[in-house]
Protein backbone atom coordinates (compact mmCIF):
# COMPACT_ATOMS: atom_id res chain seq x y z
CA MET A 1 55.50 80.24 61.59
CA SER A 2 54.62 79.94 57.90
CA THR A 3 57.54 79.30 55.55
CA ASP A 4 57.42 79.26 51.77
CA ILE A 5 59.39 76.05 51.18
CA ASN A 6 59.50 76.74 47.43
CA ASN A 7 61.81 79.67 48.15
CA LEU A 8 63.80 77.96 50.90
CA ARG A 9 67.55 78.24 50.42
CA VAL A 10 70.49 76.92 52.41
CA ASN A 11 73.02 79.28 53.93
CA GLY A 12 75.81 79.05 51.36
CA GLN A 13 78.30 80.97 53.45
CA ARG A 14 77.76 78.73 56.45
CA LEU A 15 78.22 75.63 54.30
CA TRP A 16 81.41 77.08 52.80
CA ASP A 17 82.75 77.98 56.25
CA SER A 18 82.10 74.43 57.49
CA LEU A 19 83.87 72.93 54.48
CA MET A 20 86.86 75.21 55.01
CA GLU A 21 87.06 74.43 58.74
CA LEU A 22 86.94 70.68 58.15
CA ALA A 23 89.56 71.08 55.41
CA GLN A 24 92.02 72.43 57.98
CA ILE A 25 92.18 68.96 59.54
CA GLY A 26 94.90 67.32 57.48
CA ALA A 27 95.49 70.37 55.27
CA THR A 28 98.38 70.04 52.81
CA PRO A 29 100.72 72.80 51.59
CA LYS A 30 99.19 72.80 48.08
CA GLY A 31 95.68 73.43 49.39
CA GLY A 32 94.41 69.86 49.52
CA VAL A 33 93.68 67.49 52.37
CA CYS A 34 95.31 64.27 53.57
CA ARG A 35 92.98 62.70 56.15
CA LEU A 36 93.33 58.95 55.77
CA THR A 37 90.72 56.71 57.31
CA LEU A 38 91.01 55.72 60.98
CA THR A 39 94.00 57.98 61.64
CA ASP A 40 94.11 60.58 64.39
CA LEU A 41 93.17 63.18 61.78
CA ASP A 42 90.14 61.13 60.76
CA LYS A 43 89.11 61.01 64.42
CA GLN A 44 89.40 64.80 64.60
CA GLY A 45 87.20 65.14 61.51
CA ARG A 46 84.61 62.73 62.90
CA ASP A 47 84.63 64.52 66.25
CA LEU A 48 84.08 67.90 64.59
CA VAL A 49 81.20 66.75 62.39
CA SER A 50 79.64 64.94 65.36
CA ARG A 51 79.83 68.13 67.42
CA TRP A 52 78.18 70.16 64.66
CA ALA A 53 75.41 67.56 64.38
CA LYS A 54 74.72 67.64 68.12
CA GLU A 55 74.67 71.43 68.06
CA ALA A 56 72.00 71.13 65.36
CA GLY A 57 69.91 68.92 67.68
CA MET A 58 70.81 65.65 65.99
CA THR A 59 71.65 62.35 67.65
CA VAL A 60 74.78 60.48 66.55
CA THR A 61 74.82 56.69 66.19
CA ILE A 62 77.94 54.73 65.25
CA ASP A 63 77.82 51.15 64.00
CA LYS A 64 80.42 48.40 64.38
CA ILE A 65 82.35 49.39 61.22
CA GLY A 66 82.43 53.05 62.30
CA ASN A 67 79.74 54.39 59.96
CA GLY A 68 78.07 57.45 61.47
CA PHE A 69 74.36 58.29 61.31
CA LEU A 70 73.36 61.81 62.32
CA ARG A 71 69.62 61.90 62.91
CA ARG A 72 67.09 64.73 63.05
CA PRO A 73 63.74 63.44 64.29
CA GLY A 74 60.56 63.86 62.29
CA LYS A 75 56.87 64.03 63.11
CA ASN A 76 56.60 60.27 62.67
CA ASN A 77 59.74 58.57 63.90
CA THR A 78 58.40 55.13 63.05
CA LEU A 79 59.02 55.98 59.38
CA PRO A 80 62.39 55.02 57.90
CA PRO A 81 64.58 58.09 57.49
CA VAL A 82 65.33 60.09 54.39
CA MET A 83 69.11 59.76 54.28
CA THR A 84 71.91 61.59 52.55
CA GLY A 85 75.65 61.50 53.10
CA SER A 86 79.05 60.49 51.81
CA HIS A 87 82.48 60.14 53.47
CA ILE A 88 85.01 62.36 55.22
CA ASP A 89 88.15 60.28 54.73
CA THR A 90 90.37 61.42 51.85
CA GLN A 91 93.03 60.26 49.45
CA PRO A 92 96.63 61.16 50.38
CA THR A 93 96.34 64.04 47.92
CA GLY A 94 92.61 64.63 48.33
CA GLY A 95 90.61 67.77 47.81
CA LYS A 96 88.48 69.83 50.18
CA PHE A 97 85.17 68.73 48.70
CA ASP A 98 85.40 65.08 47.70
CA GLY A 99 83.09 63.24 50.06
CA ASN A 100 83.08 66.06 52.59
CA TYR A 101 80.65 68.09 50.51
CA GLY A 102 78.06 65.30 50.58
CA VAL A 103 78.16 65.09 54.38
CA LEU A 104 78.25 68.80 55.13
CA ALA A 105 75.62 69.67 52.51
CA GLY A 106 73.28 67.28 54.33
CA LEU A 107 74.13 68.92 57.64
CA GLU A 108 73.45 72.34 56.12
CA VAL A 109 69.99 71.20 55.00
CA VAL A 110 69.23 70.26 58.61
CA ARG A 111 70.55 73.59 59.87
CA THR A 112 68.35 75.41 57.36
CA LEU A 113 65.28 73.43 58.39
CA ASN A 114 66.05 74.32 62.00
CA ASP A 115 66.45 78.00 61.14
CA ASN A 116 63.01 78.00 59.54
CA HIS A 117 61.31 75.85 62.20
CA ILE A 118 60.32 73.21 59.65
CA GLU A 119 59.44 69.75 60.92
CA THR A 120 59.60 66.94 58.37
CA GLU A 121 57.23 63.98 58.39
CA ALA A 122 59.99 61.35 58.44
CA PRO A 123 63.33 61.65 60.21
CA ILE A 124 66.32 62.96 58.27
CA GLU A 125 69.71 61.32 58.60
CA VAL A 126 73.14 62.32 57.37
CA ALA A 127 75.59 59.42 57.06
CA TRP A 128 79.32 59.19 56.79
CA TRP A 129 80.75 55.89 55.54
CA THR A 130 84.03 54.46 56.86
CA ASN A 131 87.00 53.97 54.51
CA GLU A 132 85.17 54.93 51.36
CA GLU A 133 88.41 55.85 49.59
CA GLY A 134 90.37 52.68 50.36
CA SER A 135 93.70 54.52 50.46
CA ARG A 136 94.82 52.91 53.69
CA PHE A 137 92.77 49.70 53.83
CA VAL A 138 91.17 47.57 51.13
CA PRO A 139 88.51 46.92 50.02
CA VAL A 140 87.34 50.37 49.05
CA MET A 141 83.83 51.48 50.07
CA MET A 142 84.34 49.39 53.18
CA GLY A 143 81.75 50.90 55.51
CA SER A 144 79.00 51.04 52.93
CA GLY A 145 80.00 47.58 51.67
CA VAL A 146 79.61 46.02 55.10
CA PHE A 147 76.34 47.91 55.59
CA ALA A 148 75.00 46.56 52.29
CA LYS A 149 76.23 43.00 53.07
CA ALA A 150 78.61 43.01 50.09
CA PHE A 151 81.17 41.48 52.44
CA THR A 152 81.33 40.60 56.13
CA LEU A 153 82.28 42.69 59.11
CA GLU A 154 84.95 40.11 60.00
CA HIS A 155 86.52 40.48 56.53
CA ALA A 156 86.66 44.25 56.96
CA TYR A 157 88.03 44.03 60.52
CA ALA A 158 90.89 41.80 59.36
CA ALA A 159 92.15 44.20 56.66
CA LYS A 160 95.59 45.63 57.47
CA ASP A 161 97.49 48.69 56.32
CA ALA A 162 101.10 48.83 55.21
CA ASP A 163 102.25 48.93 58.85
CA GLY A 164 100.27 45.82 59.80
CA LYS A 165 97.57 47.69 61.73
CA SER A 166 94.09 46.23 61.34
CA VAL A 167 90.80 48.02 60.78
CA LYS A 168 89.39 46.70 64.04
CA GLU A 169 92.45 47.82 66.04
CA GLU A 170 92.33 51.29 64.56
CA LEU A 171 88.57 51.68 65.03
CA GLU A 172 89.01 50.77 68.69
CA ARG A 173 92.01 53.07 69.06
CA ILE A 174 90.18 56.17 67.81
CA GLY A 175 86.97 55.27 69.68
CA TYR A 176 84.71 54.77 66.68
CA ILE A 177 83.59 51.16 66.97
CA GLY A 178 79.92 51.41 67.86
CA PRO A 179 77.37 48.90 69.15
CA GLN A 180 74.98 48.83 66.19
CA GLU A 181 75.15 45.96 63.71
CA PRO A 182 75.90 47.32 60.23
CA GLY A 183 72.83 47.12 58.05
CA ASP A 184 70.40 46.90 60.99
CA HIS A 185 69.29 50.37 60.10
CA PRO A 186 66.21 51.12 57.98
CA ILE A 187 66.48 53.61 55.13
CA GLY A 188 63.46 55.09 53.38
CA THR A 189 65.46 56.63 50.58
CA TYR A 190 69.10 57.57 50.09
CA PHE A 191 70.81 60.11 47.88
CA GLU A 192 74.33 61.48 47.76
CA THR A 193 75.52 64.88 46.68
CA HIS A 194 79.02 64.49 45.28
CA ILE A 195 81.45 66.98 43.77
CA GLU A 196 82.06 64.72 40.75
CA GLN A 197 78.52 63.79 39.79
CA GLY A 198 76.95 67.02 38.54
CA PRO A 199 78.97 67.66 35.35
CA VAL A 200 79.06 63.97 34.39
CA LEU A 201 75.30 63.53 34.57
CA GLU A 202 74.64 66.92 33.03
CA ASP A 203 77.00 66.25 30.11
CA ASN A 204 75.20 62.96 29.48
CA LYS A 205 71.80 64.68 29.74
CA LYS A 206 70.80 62.56 32.72
CA PRO A 207 68.49 63.94 35.43
CA LEU A 208 70.26 65.08 38.57
CA ALA A 209 67.24 64.20 40.73
CA TRP A 210 63.70 62.90 40.57
């Protein structure tokens, strides 16, 4: 099949429907979302996104801090993946798109490539990062911080919420403490689509992409 990639477009309605379905997990009366990290609601969100990834033919790998890597193979799987992603945990009064858009937009790209039978040279991965918001546990950007070696896994595990529950206990409780060492994961390039970034960069006349 020959596909004109210059005219390739994602399925906007499918992306919107996915965002709205995920937003039902922890939905608040005013139309927002409260899905704090490592709660039962966070587990439901992770389970749903994992199921969608598997339905799209992706494998799901979880590391020891609970970061998720959803992988679509490429022609040359020895190449480091092209990665995009964000987070699916929210603030107590979070919105439907903050973080979630970056994850589900990446998933929609994969779905669109599948629809058009396009095989990429390198693998594609969509990541979600654990406790990016920091509303329940500090430090913020915990999963990506451990991945980037900004602080240790042991430091993150020891963090406790207001009820005295630790990150490690809650990761184990919801079943999202994986075998992979954080950071032992090659990345060819990484970019993140985020609901807040477009207007800020555009207003400052900065390029949105290269």
